[in-house]
Amino acid sequence: MTQKGKLLIIDDEDRLRNLLARILQLEGHEVLTAANAKEGLRKLQQESIQVVLSDVKLPDIDGITLSETIKKNYPATEIIVLTAYGTINDGVKAIKAGAFDYITKGDDNEKIIPLVSKAMDKALLQQTVIELQNKLNDKFGFDRLIGKSNAISDVIKLAQKVALTDTTVLLLGETGTGKEIFAEAIHQASNRSSKSFVAVNCSAFTKELLESELFGHKAGSFTGALKDKKGLFEEANGGTIFLDEIGELDHDLQAKLLRVLESQQFLKIGDTKPTQVNVRILAATNRNLQNEINDGQFRSDLFYRLSVFQITLPALRERKKDIKLLAEYFMQHFALKVKKQINELSNEFVNKLEAYSWPGNIRELKNIIERAVILADSNILDESLLPYEIQQQQVKAGAPISAFDLSSVEKLHIQRVLNHTRGNRAEAAHLLNIGVATLYRKLKEYGLE
């Protein structure tokens, strides 16, 4: 059954233009008309048009140039060029310029309806693909990344630039900063977006199981291998694979991964022939890989291949401006999920969130907002819904700090050292040259727990 849509007829001959319009209206299409290219382009701006029928000879512009302009600005729109006898060569040129097809006026009248039908089917399919792609980008693209602070804006700009290439990217940052979301956004903004995005957490499997998951195996290669299995690299062929917690990868698997990076080939378990793939690799870790290299835990050659382009995601405490935006987003999300009418955060609620150090970053904020939404009995989230430790910390942390008071200076110094170590208390105690027990006592004393 022919799909119906909206057509535009551009022709300076009133009689022919009106005749074509009548024929196509009888087929159930909505038809617009224009007497010249300028008027036609204006209607294309105003309406969502699937198919254009245009004379190759117009008073203000030729049909070939018009076809190029339409395809450049409206790639999903299909164009059928109307030629007079003796100007068929112009029709062929128009097809090279992007037109769907051409017909000769008067001689090809019986071809108009089936040709329009084919063009309409193609245009509507392309329109559907574009709409699905836009929805996918809304869900997984850079628009999904919430924040206006300089810290996150700068990182997004870097990611958008590298997304357009096939360069391997190493995402660094603390746990909970959103590395997988960034990896998905990079994939969706790349020329691989129509192919698979495959994510795997390298810390979630044993060495043997991870090797089978990543590279696959042949039947009979080990006990329980009853049939051939495709690995995740094959599943991601043509697309992107995201290797989270790459610092947890076993040494033997590091060597296999290095080979993939160098040759886009690997050996399945039990196979003698290499498997060829075309995969972009994105990796992430919250570890200091340079320290891991010094300790002999990570291969330096693999590190250099993975870190062609490094992006360090900022901790939430480094982007205080974004905390309210993120909290509002999670509030709306979870309120919808549990069917509650919650539409506001109290000022004190926001102040306490912004004063907190967020060792668990965005993931911790998400969990706290979900908890608050579940507990809420009104349409406002207030400070009473926050975990006790956050409420207590904020009361003490809000006290004024004197530049001359020794305890205030010590408190500020400890907080700075903890920020430097990203919340690692053992490392902070070492840098402060005090025992861990002493540090814990001071944290409790100053309300920094």
Protein backbone atom coordinates (compact mmCIF):
# COMPACT_ATOMS: atom_id res chain seq x y z
CA MET A 1 0.00 0.00 0.00
CA THR A 2 1.35 3.41 -1.02
CA GLN A 3 2.37 5.62 1.88
CA LYS A 4 0.91 9.12 1.85
CA GLY A 5 2.86 12.26 2.51
CA LYS A 6 3.38 15.89 1.58
CA LEU A 7 4.54 16.93 -1.91
CA LEU A 8 5.70 20.20 -3.42
CA ILE A 9 5.34 20.91 -7.15
CA ILE A 10 7.59 23.69 -8.52
CA ASP A 11 6.75 24.71 -12.09
CA ASP A 12 6.08 28.05 -13.76
CA GLU A 13 3.42 26.56 -16.08
CA ASP A 14 0.13 27.08 -14.23
CA ARG A 15 -1.79 24.49 -16.24
CA LEU A 16 0.73 21.66 -15.75
CA ARG A 17 1.32 22.55 -12.10
CA ASN A 18 -2.40 22.45 -11.29
CA LEU A 19 -2.93 19.23 -13.27
CA LEU A 20 -0.15 17.41 -11.42
CA ALA A 21 -1.46 18.72 -8.12
CA ARG A 22 -4.94 17.37 -8.86
CA ILE A 23 -3.65 13.93 -9.92
CA LEU A 24 -1.53 13.52 -6.79
CA GLN A 25 -4.25 14.85 -4.48
CA LEU A 26 -6.56 12.14 -5.82
CA GLU A 27 -3.91 9.62 -4.73
CA GLY A 28 -4.31 10.88 -1.17
CA HIS A 29 -1.21 13.09 -0.92
CA GLU A 30 -1.17 16.62 0.48
CA VAL A 31 0.13 18.84 -2.30
CA LEU A 32 1.69 22.33 -2.21
CA THR A 33 2.66 24.31 -5.29
CA ALA A 34 5.13 27.04 -6.21
CA ALA A 35 5.73 28.97 -9.45
CA ASN A 36 9.48 29.43 -8.97
CA ALA A 37 12.45 28.15 -6.97
CA LYS A 38 12.47 31.00 -4.46
CA GLU A 39 8.84 30.36 -3.52
CA GLY A 40 9.50 26.62 -3.40
CA LEU A 41 12.48 26.97 -1.04
CA ARG A 42 10.39 29.18 1.24
CA LYS A 43 7.71 26.48 1.46
CA LEU A 44 10.38 23.86 2.20
CA GLN A 45 11.45 25.99 5.16
CA GLN A 46 7.88 26.25 6.43
CA GLU A 47 6.65 22.68 5.87
CA SER A 48 7.93 19.13 6.31
CA ILE A 49 7.90 17.96 2.68
CA GLN A 50 8.84 14.45 1.61
CA VAL A 51 8.89 14.73 -2.21
CA VAL A 52 9.52 17.65 -4.58
CA LEU A 53 8.56 17.61 -8.28
CA SER A 54 10.45 20.40 -10.01
CA ASP A 55 10.77 21.62 -13.57
CA VAL A 56 14.38 21.53 -14.76
CA LYS A 57 13.91 24.99 -16.32
CA LEU A 58 12.66 27.61 -13.83
CA PRO A 59 12.56 31.39 -14.26
CA ASP A 60 14.95 32.15 -11.37
CA ILE A 61 17.21 29.07 -11.07
CA ASP A 62 17.91 25.83 -12.96
CA GLY A 63 16.63 22.52 -11.60
CA ILE A 64 20.14 21.06 -11.18
CA THR A 65 21.24 23.82 -8.83
CA LEU A 66 17.89 23.58 -7.03
CA SER A 67 18.35 19.82 -6.54
CA GLU A 68 21.78 20.39 -5.00
CA THR A 69 20.38 23.06 -2.66
CA ILE A 70 17.44 20.92 -1.53
CA LYS A 71 19.56 17.81 -0.88
CA LYS A 72 22.11 19.84 1.04
CA ASN A 73 19.51 21.42 3.34
CA TYR A 74 16.87 18.67 3.40
CA PRO A 75 18.73 15.36 2.85
CA ALA A 76 15.63 13.22 3.61
CA THR A 77 13.57 14.95 0.89
CA GLU A 78 13.46 13.25 -2.54
CA ILE A 79 13.35 15.22 -5.81
CA ILE A 80 11.81 14.20 -9.13
CA VAL A 81 12.86 16.44 -12.02
CA LEU A 82 10.42 17.29 -14.83
CA THR A 83 12.17 17.64 -18.19
CA ALA A 84 10.92 18.73 -21.58
CA TYR A 85 11.77 16.74 -24.70
CA GLY A 86 15.38 17.46 -25.62
CA THR A 87 16.44 18.32 -22.05
CA ILE A 88 16.79 14.73 -20.81
CA ASN A 89 20.50 15.34 -20.39
CA ASP A 90 19.59 17.93 -17.74
CA GLY A 91 17.55 15.28 -15.95
CA VAL A 92 20.58 12.98 -15.81
CA LYS A 93 22.66 15.84 -14.44
CA ALA A 94 20.01 16.49 -11.79
CA ILE A 95 20.20 12.83 -10.66
CA LYS A 96 23.96 13.23 -10.27
CA ALA A 97 23.19 16.33 -8.17
CA GLY A 98 21.03 14.23 -5.84
CA ALA A 99 17.63 13.96 -7.52
CA PHE A 100 15.68 10.67 -7.13
CA ASP A 101 14.73 10.41 -10.83
CA TYR A 102 13.41 12.40 -13.79
CA ILE A 103 10.40 12.14 -16.12
CA THR A 104 9.64 13.75 -19.45
CA LYS A 105 6.62 16.06 -19.51
CA GLY A 106 3.73 14.74 -21.57
CA ASP A 107 5.40 11.45 -22.52
CA ASP A 108 5.72 9.89 -19.05
CA ASN A 109 2.37 10.81 -17.44
CA GLU A 110 1.61 7.18 -16.60
CA LYS A 111 4.91 6.93 -14.74
CA ILE A 112 4.24 9.85 -12.37
CA ILE A 113 2.14 8.02 -9.77
CA PRO A 114 4.38 4.92 -9.34
CA LEU A 115 7.51 7.10 -9.39
CA VAL A 116 6.12 9.43 -6.74
CA SER A 117 5.12 6.36 -4.71
CA LYS A 118 8.69 4.99 -4.74
CA ALA A 119 10.16 8.40 -3.89
CA MET A 120 7.64 8.83 -1.06
CA ASP A 121 8.48 5.42 0.43
CA LYS A 122 12.19 6.25 0.39
CA ALA A 123 11.70 9.73 1.86
CA LEU A 124 9.47 8.50 4.70
CA LEU A 125 11.94 5.72 5.53
CA GLN A 126 14.80 8.24 5.66
CA GLN A 127 12.71 10.54 7.83
CA THR A 128 12.02 7.67 10.25
CA VAL A 129 15.73 6.81 10.44
CA ILE A 130 16.62 10.45 11.20
CA GLU A 131 13.92 10.66 13.89
CA LEU A 132 15.16 7.45 15.53
CA GLN A 133 18.74 8.72 15.38
CA ASN A 134 17.69 11.98 17.03
CA LYS A 135 15.90 10.07 19.79
CA LEU A 136 18.98 7.93 20.27
CA ASN A 137 21.17 11.03 20.48
CA ASP A 138 18.78 12.55 23.03
CA LYS A 139 19.09 9.41 25.13
CA PHE A 140 22.78 8.67 24.75
CA GLY A 141 24.41 11.70 23.10
CA PHE A 142 26.16 14.76 24.49
CA ASP A 143 22.79 16.46 25.11
CA ARG A 144 22.26 13.87 27.83
CA LEU A 145 25.26 15.23 29.75
CA ILE A 146 23.96 17.68 32.33
CA GLY A 147 26.01 20.63 33.48
CA LYS A 148 27.03 24.20 32.70
CA SER A 149 30.16 24.55 34.82
CA ASN A 150 33.46 25.28 33.07
CA ALA A 151 34.85 21.97 34.36
CA ILE A 152 32.28 19.84 32.52
CA SER A 153 31.89 22.17 29.51
CA ASP A 154 35.61 21.97 28.72
CA VAL A 155 35.55 18.17 28.93
CA ILE A 156 32.49 17.93 26.66
CA LYS A 157 34.21 20.10 24.03
CA LEU A 158 37.23 17.79 24.07
CA ALA A 159 35.02 14.71 23.78
CA GLN A 160 33.02 16.20 20.88
CA LYS A 161 36.23 16.86 18.94
CA VAL A 162 37.69 13.39 19.42
CA ALA A 163 34.31 11.73 18.74
CA LEU A 164 34.61 12.61 15.05
CA THR A 165 37.78 10.53 14.73
CA ASP A 166 38.57 6.85 15.25
CA THR A 167 41.17 7.67 17.91
CA THR A 168 41.39 5.46 21.00
CA VAL A 169 40.30 7.39 24.10
CA LEU A 170 41.20 6.78 27.74
CA LEU A 171 38.66 8.21 30.17
CA LEU A 172 40.07 8.95 33.62
CA GLY A 173 38.38 10.04 36.81
CA GLU A 174 36.98 8.90 40.11
CA THR A 175 34.31 6.24 40.45
CA GLY A 176 30.84 7.61 39.76
CA THR A 177 31.85 10.51 37.49
CA GLY A 178 29.94 9.12 34.48
CA LYS A 179 32.65 7.55 32.33
CA GLU A 180 30.32 5.09 30.59
CA ILE A 181 27.82 7.85 29.76
CA PHE A 182 30.68 9.84 28.19
CA ALA A 183 31.79 6.78 26.22
CA GLU A 184 28.23 6.32 24.87
CA ALA A 185 28.08 10.00 23.91
CA ILE A 186 31.39 9.74 22.04
CA HIS A 187 30.08 6.69 20.16
CA GLN A 188 26.79 8.39 19.25
CA ALA A 189 28.62 11.46 17.91
CA SER A 190 30.97 9.32 15.78
CA ASN A 191 30.57 7.91 12.28
CA ARG A 192 30.09 4.51 13.95
CA SER A 193 26.83 5.51 15.66
CA SER A 194 24.71 3.23 13.45
CA LYS A 195 26.70 0.22 14.67
CA SER A 196 26.90 -1.43 18.09
CA PHE A 197 28.16 0.13 21.31
CA VAL A 198 29.33 -2.68 23.59
CA ALA A 199 30.34 -1.98 27.20
CA VAL A 200 32.15 -4.44 29.45
CA ASN A 201 33.42 -4.07 33.02
CA CYS A 202 36.83 -5.76 33.15
CA SER A 203 36.62 -6.18 36.93
CA ALA A 204 33.40 -8.18 36.77
CA PHE A 205 34.92 -11.41 35.40
CA THR A 206 37.70 -13.85 36.19
CA LYS A 207 40.63 -13.83 33.76
CA GLU A 208 39.45 -16.98 31.93
CA LEU A 209 35.84 -15.87 31.67
CA LEU A 210 36.79 -12.35 30.56
CA GLU A 211 39.01 -13.72 27.77
CA SER A 212 36.10 -15.80 26.49
CA GLU A 213 33.71 -12.85 26.80
CA LEU A 214 36.01 -10.47 24.94
CA PHE A 215 37.42 -12.72 22.23
CA GLY A 216 35.08 -15.72 22.05
CA HIS A 217 36.04 -19.40 21.78
CA LYS A 218 35.85 -22.43 19.55
CA ALA A 219 33.77 -25.47 20.43
CA GLY A 220 35.77 -27.99 22.46
CA SER A 221 38.49 -25.50 23.43
CA PHE A 222 37.78 -26.11 27.13
CA THR A 223 35.36 -28.05 29.33
CA GLY A 224 31.87 -26.70 28.79
CA ALA A 225 32.67 -25.07 25.41
CA LEU A 226 29.97 -26.99 23.54
CA LYS A 227 29.75 -24.63 20.57
CA ASP A 228 31.52 -21.70 18.97
CA LYS A 229 30.97 -18.40 20.72
CA LYS A 230 31.37 -14.89 19.34
CA GLY A 231 33.19 -12.51 21.66
CA LEU A 232 32.29 -8.92 22.43
CA PHE A 233 34.89 -7.62 19.99
CA GLU A 234 33.05 -9.41 17.19
CA GLU A 235 29.71 -8.13 18.49
CA ALA A 236 31.12 -4.59 18.31
CA ASN A 237 32.52 -5.02 14.79
CA GLY A 238 32.05 -1.76 12.90
CA GLY A 239 31.16 0.02 16.13
CA THR A 240 32.70 0.79 19.51
CA ILE A 241 33.75 -1.29 22.50
CA PHE A 242 34.06 0.35 25.91
CA LEU A 243 36.42 -1.36 28.37
CA ASP A 244 35.64 -0.07 31.85
CA GLU A 245 38.06 -0.65 34.75
CA ILE A 246 40.85 -1.37 32.26
CA GLY A 247 43.36 -1.25 35.12
CA GLU A 248 41.97 -4.60 36.35
CA LEU A 249 42.96 -6.43 33.15
CA ASP A 250 45.23 -9.46 33.59
CA HIS A 251 48.73 -9.27 32.06
CA ASP A 252 48.02 -11.98 29.45
CA LEU A 253 44.84 -10.22 28.37
CA GLN A 254 46.73 -6.94 28.20
CA ALA A 255 48.96 -8.55 25.56
CA LYS A 256 45.93 -9.73 23.54
CA LEU A 257 44.34 -6.29 23.75
CA LEU A 258 47.58 -4.69 22.58
CA ARG A 259 47.48 -6.91 19.49
CA VAL A 260 43.92 -5.80 18.73
CA LEU A 261 44.97 -2.16 19.00
CA GLU A 262 47.94 -2.73 16.71
CA SER A 263 46.41 -4.99 14.06
CA GLN A 264 42.63 -5.19 14.69
CA GLN A 265 43.13 -8.97 14.96
CA PHE A 266 42.89 -11.51 17.77
CA LEU A 267 42.82 -15.26 18.33
CA LYS A 268 39.74 -16.87 19.81
CA ILE A 269 40.37 -19.44 22.53
CA GLY A 270 41.10 -22.72 20.74
CA ASP A 271 41.40 -21.13 17.30
CA THR A 272 44.48 -21.08 15.04
CA LYS A 273 43.25 -18.45 12.59
CA PRO A 274 43.10 -14.79 13.63
CA THR A 275 39.75 -13.00 13.55
CA GLN A 276 39.74 -9.58 11.88
CA VAL A 277 37.57 -6.79 13.27
CA ASN A 278 37.07 -3.08 12.78
CA VAL A 279 36.42 -1.72 16.27
CA ARG A 280 37.05 1.57 18.02
CA ILE A 281 38.27 1.09 21.58
CA LEU A 282 37.33 3.41 24.43
CA ALA A 283 38.69 2.57 27.88
CA ALA A 284 38.27 3.92 31.41
CA THR A 285 39.84 3.58 34.82
CA ASN A 286 39.85 5.24 38.21
CA ARG A 287 43.35 3.96 38.87
CA ASN A 288 46.63 5.80 38.33
CA LEU A 289 47.98 3.66 35.47
CA GLN A 290 51.39 5.33 35.66
CA ASN A 291 51.75 4.00 39.21
CA GLU A 292 50.49 0.61 38.03
CA ILE A 293 53.22 0.60 35.35
CA ASN A 294 55.88 1.45 37.94
CA ASP A 295 54.60 -1.43 40.10
CA GLY A 296 54.74 -3.83 37.15
CA GLN A 297 50.95 -4.29 37.10
CA PHE A 298 50.24 -2.63 33.73
CA ARG A 299 52.08 -2.74 30.42
CA SER A 300 53.56 0.59 29.40
CA ASP A 301 53.15 -0.16 25.66
CA LEU A 302 49.43 -0.83 26.16
CA PHE A 303 49.07 2.34 28.21
CA TYR A 304 50.60 4.45 25.44
CA ARG A 305 48.30 2.86 22.83
CA LEU A 306 45.22 3.37 24.99
CA SER A 307 46.04 6.92 26.02
CA VAL A 308 46.43 8.48 22.57
CA PHE A 309 43.76 10.89 23.77
CA GLN A 310 43.08 11.24 27.50
CA ILE A 311 40.00 12.87 29.01
CA THR A 312 39.82 13.34 32.78
CA LEU A 313 36.27 13.70 34.04
CA PRO A 314 35.93 16.17 36.91
CA ALA A 315 34.76 15.05 40.33
CA LEU A 316 31.38 16.41 41.41
CA ARG A 317 33.01 18.56 44.12
CA GLU A 318 34.86 20.36 41.28
CA ARG A 319 31.59 21.30 39.55
CA LYS A 320 29.43 22.68 42.36
CA LYS A 321 27.39 24.75 39.88
CA ASP A 322 26.00 21.56 38.37
CA ILE A 323 24.78 19.93 41.58
CA LYS A 324 21.39 21.65 41.53
CA LEU A 325 20.86 20.88 37.83
CA LEU A 326 21.71 17.22 38.37
CA ALA A 327 19.55 17.01 41.49
CA GLU A 328 16.57 18.48 39.62
CA TYR A 329 17.05 16.03 36.76
CA PHE A 330 17.18 13.02 39.12
CA MET A 331 14.20 14.40 41.08
CA GLN A 332 12.07 14.56 37.93
CA HIS A 333 13.25 11.14 36.78
CA PHE A 334 12.51 9.32 40.03
CA ALA A 335 9.29 11.24 40.73
CA LEU A 336 7.97 10.04 37.37
CA LYS A 337 9.15 6.52 38.13
CA VAL A 338 7.32 6.29 41.47
CA LYS A 339 4.36 8.39 40.24
CA LYS A 340 4.77 11.29 42.68
CA GLN A 341 4.18 15.00 42.06
CA ILE A 342 7.52 16.43 43.23
CA ASN A 343 8.70 19.57 41.49
CA GLU A 344 10.88 21.58 43.86
CA LEU A 345 14.08 21.46 45.92
CA SER A 346 14.19 23.62 49.05
CA ASN A 347 17.02 26.14 49.31
CA GLU A 348 18.41 24.41 52.39
CA PHE A 349 18.32 21.06 50.59
CA VAL A 350 20.37 22.53 47.73
CA ASN A 351 22.78 24.31 50.11
CA LYS A 352 23.51 21.06 51.93
CA LEU A 353 24.09 19.23 48.65
CA GLU A 354 26.47 21.92 47.42
CA ALA A 355 28.45 21.92 50.68
CA TYR A 356 29.00 18.15 50.65
CA SER A 357 32.28 16.68 49.31
CA TRP A 358 30.67 13.86 47.24
CA PRO A 359 33.23 11.05 47.47
CA GLY A 360 30.83 8.89 45.40
CA ASN A 361 30.27 11.65 42.83
CA ILE A 362 27.21 11.64 40.52
CA ARG A 363 26.33 8.05 41.38
CA GLU A 364 26.11 8.98 45.06
CA LEU A 365 23.99 12.06 44.28
CA LYS A 366 21.65 9.95 42.16
CA ASN A 367 21.16 7.45 45.00
CA ILE A 368 20.53 10.19 47.56
CA ILE A 369 17.91 11.90 45.35
CA GLU A 370 16.18 8.58 44.69
CA ARG A 371 16.03 7.95 48.46
CA ALA A 372 14.66 11.47 49.09
CA VAL A 373 11.95 11.06 46.44
CA ILE A 374 10.83 7.76 47.96
CA LEU A 375 10.65 9.31 51.44
CA ALA A 376 8.98 12.57 50.37
CA ASP A 377 5.39 13.22 51.51
CA SER A 378 4.99 16.56 49.75
CA ASN A 379 5.93 18.14 46.42
CA ILE A 380 9.17 19.58 47.86
CA LEU A 381 12.42 17.84 48.75
CA ASP A 382 13.75 19.42 51.95
CA GLU A 383 16.86 18.85 54.07
CA SER A 384 15.08 16.43 56.42
CA LEU A 385 15.12 13.88 53.60
CA LEU A 386 18.91 13.86 53.35
CA PRO A 387 21.00 11.16 55.05
CA TYR A 388 21.88 11.99 58.64
CA GLU A 389 25.62 12.17 57.98
CA ILE A 390 25.16 14.82 55.28
CA GLN A 391 22.91 16.92 57.50
CA GLN A 392 25.38 16.74 60.39
CA GLN A 393 28.38 17.49 58.22
CA GLN A 394 26.73 20.54 56.73
CA VAL A 395 25.84 22.02 60.12
CA LYS A 396 29.47 21.82 61.24
CA ALA A 397 31.02 22.57 57.87
CA GLY A 398 28.93 25.71 57.65
CA ALA A 399 30.62 27.28 60.69
CA PRO A 400 32.81 30.30 59.82
CA ILE A 401 36.54 29.66 59.49
CA SER A 402 38.91 32.15 61.10
CA ALA A 403 42.23 32.90 59.43
CA PHE A 404 43.85 33.10 62.90
CA ASP A 405 42.17 30.21 64.73
CA LEU A 406 44.54 27.19 64.77
CA SER A 407 41.78 24.56 64.66
CA SER A 408 40.15 26.31 61.69
CA VAL A 409 43.46 26.34 59.79
CA GLU A 410 44.03 22.65 60.61
CA LYS A 411 40.50 21.75 59.52
CA LEU A 412 40.92 23.58 56.20
CA HIS A 413 44.30 21.98 55.60
CA ILE A 414 42.95 18.47 56.22
CA GLN A 415 40.05 19.13 53.83
CA ARG A 416 42.48 20.29 51.13
CA VAL A 417 44.67 17.22 51.54
CA LEU A 418 41.61 14.95 51.34
CA ASN A 419 40.57 16.73 48.14
CA HIS A 420 44.07 16.21 46.77
CA THR A 421 43.94 12.47 47.55
CA ARG A 422 40.37 12.28 46.24
CA GLY A 423 39.09 11.01 49.56
CA ASN A 424 41.82 8.39 50.14
CA ARG A 425 42.25 8.69 53.91
CA ALA A 426 45.29 6.40 54.20
CA GLU A 427 47.14 8.48 51.62
CA ALA A 428 45.98 11.71 53.30
CA ALA A 429 47.31 10.49 56.68
CA HIS A 430 50.65 9.68 55.04
CA LEU A 431 50.90 13.16 53.49
CA LEU A 432 49.90 14.80 56.77
CA ASN A 433 52.53 12.68 58.54
CA ILE A 434 50.02 11.46 61.15
CA GLY A 435 48.55 8.06 61.94
CA VAL A 436 45.33 6.93 60.28
CA ALA A 437 43.64 6.67 63.70
CA THR A 438 44.63 10.29 64.43
CA LEU A 439 43.22 11.40 61.11
CA TYR A 440 39.90 9.65 61.79
CA ARG A 441 39.72 11.34 65.21
CA LYS A 442 40.30 14.76 63.65
CA LEU A 443 37.74 14.08 60.91
CA LYS A 444 35.17 13.32 63.56
CA GLU A 445 36.20 16.36 65.61
CA TYR A 446 35.86 18.72 62.64
CA GLY A 447 32.74 17.13 61.17
CA LEU A 448 34.56 15.97 58.04
CA GLU A 449 33.58 12.29 58.21
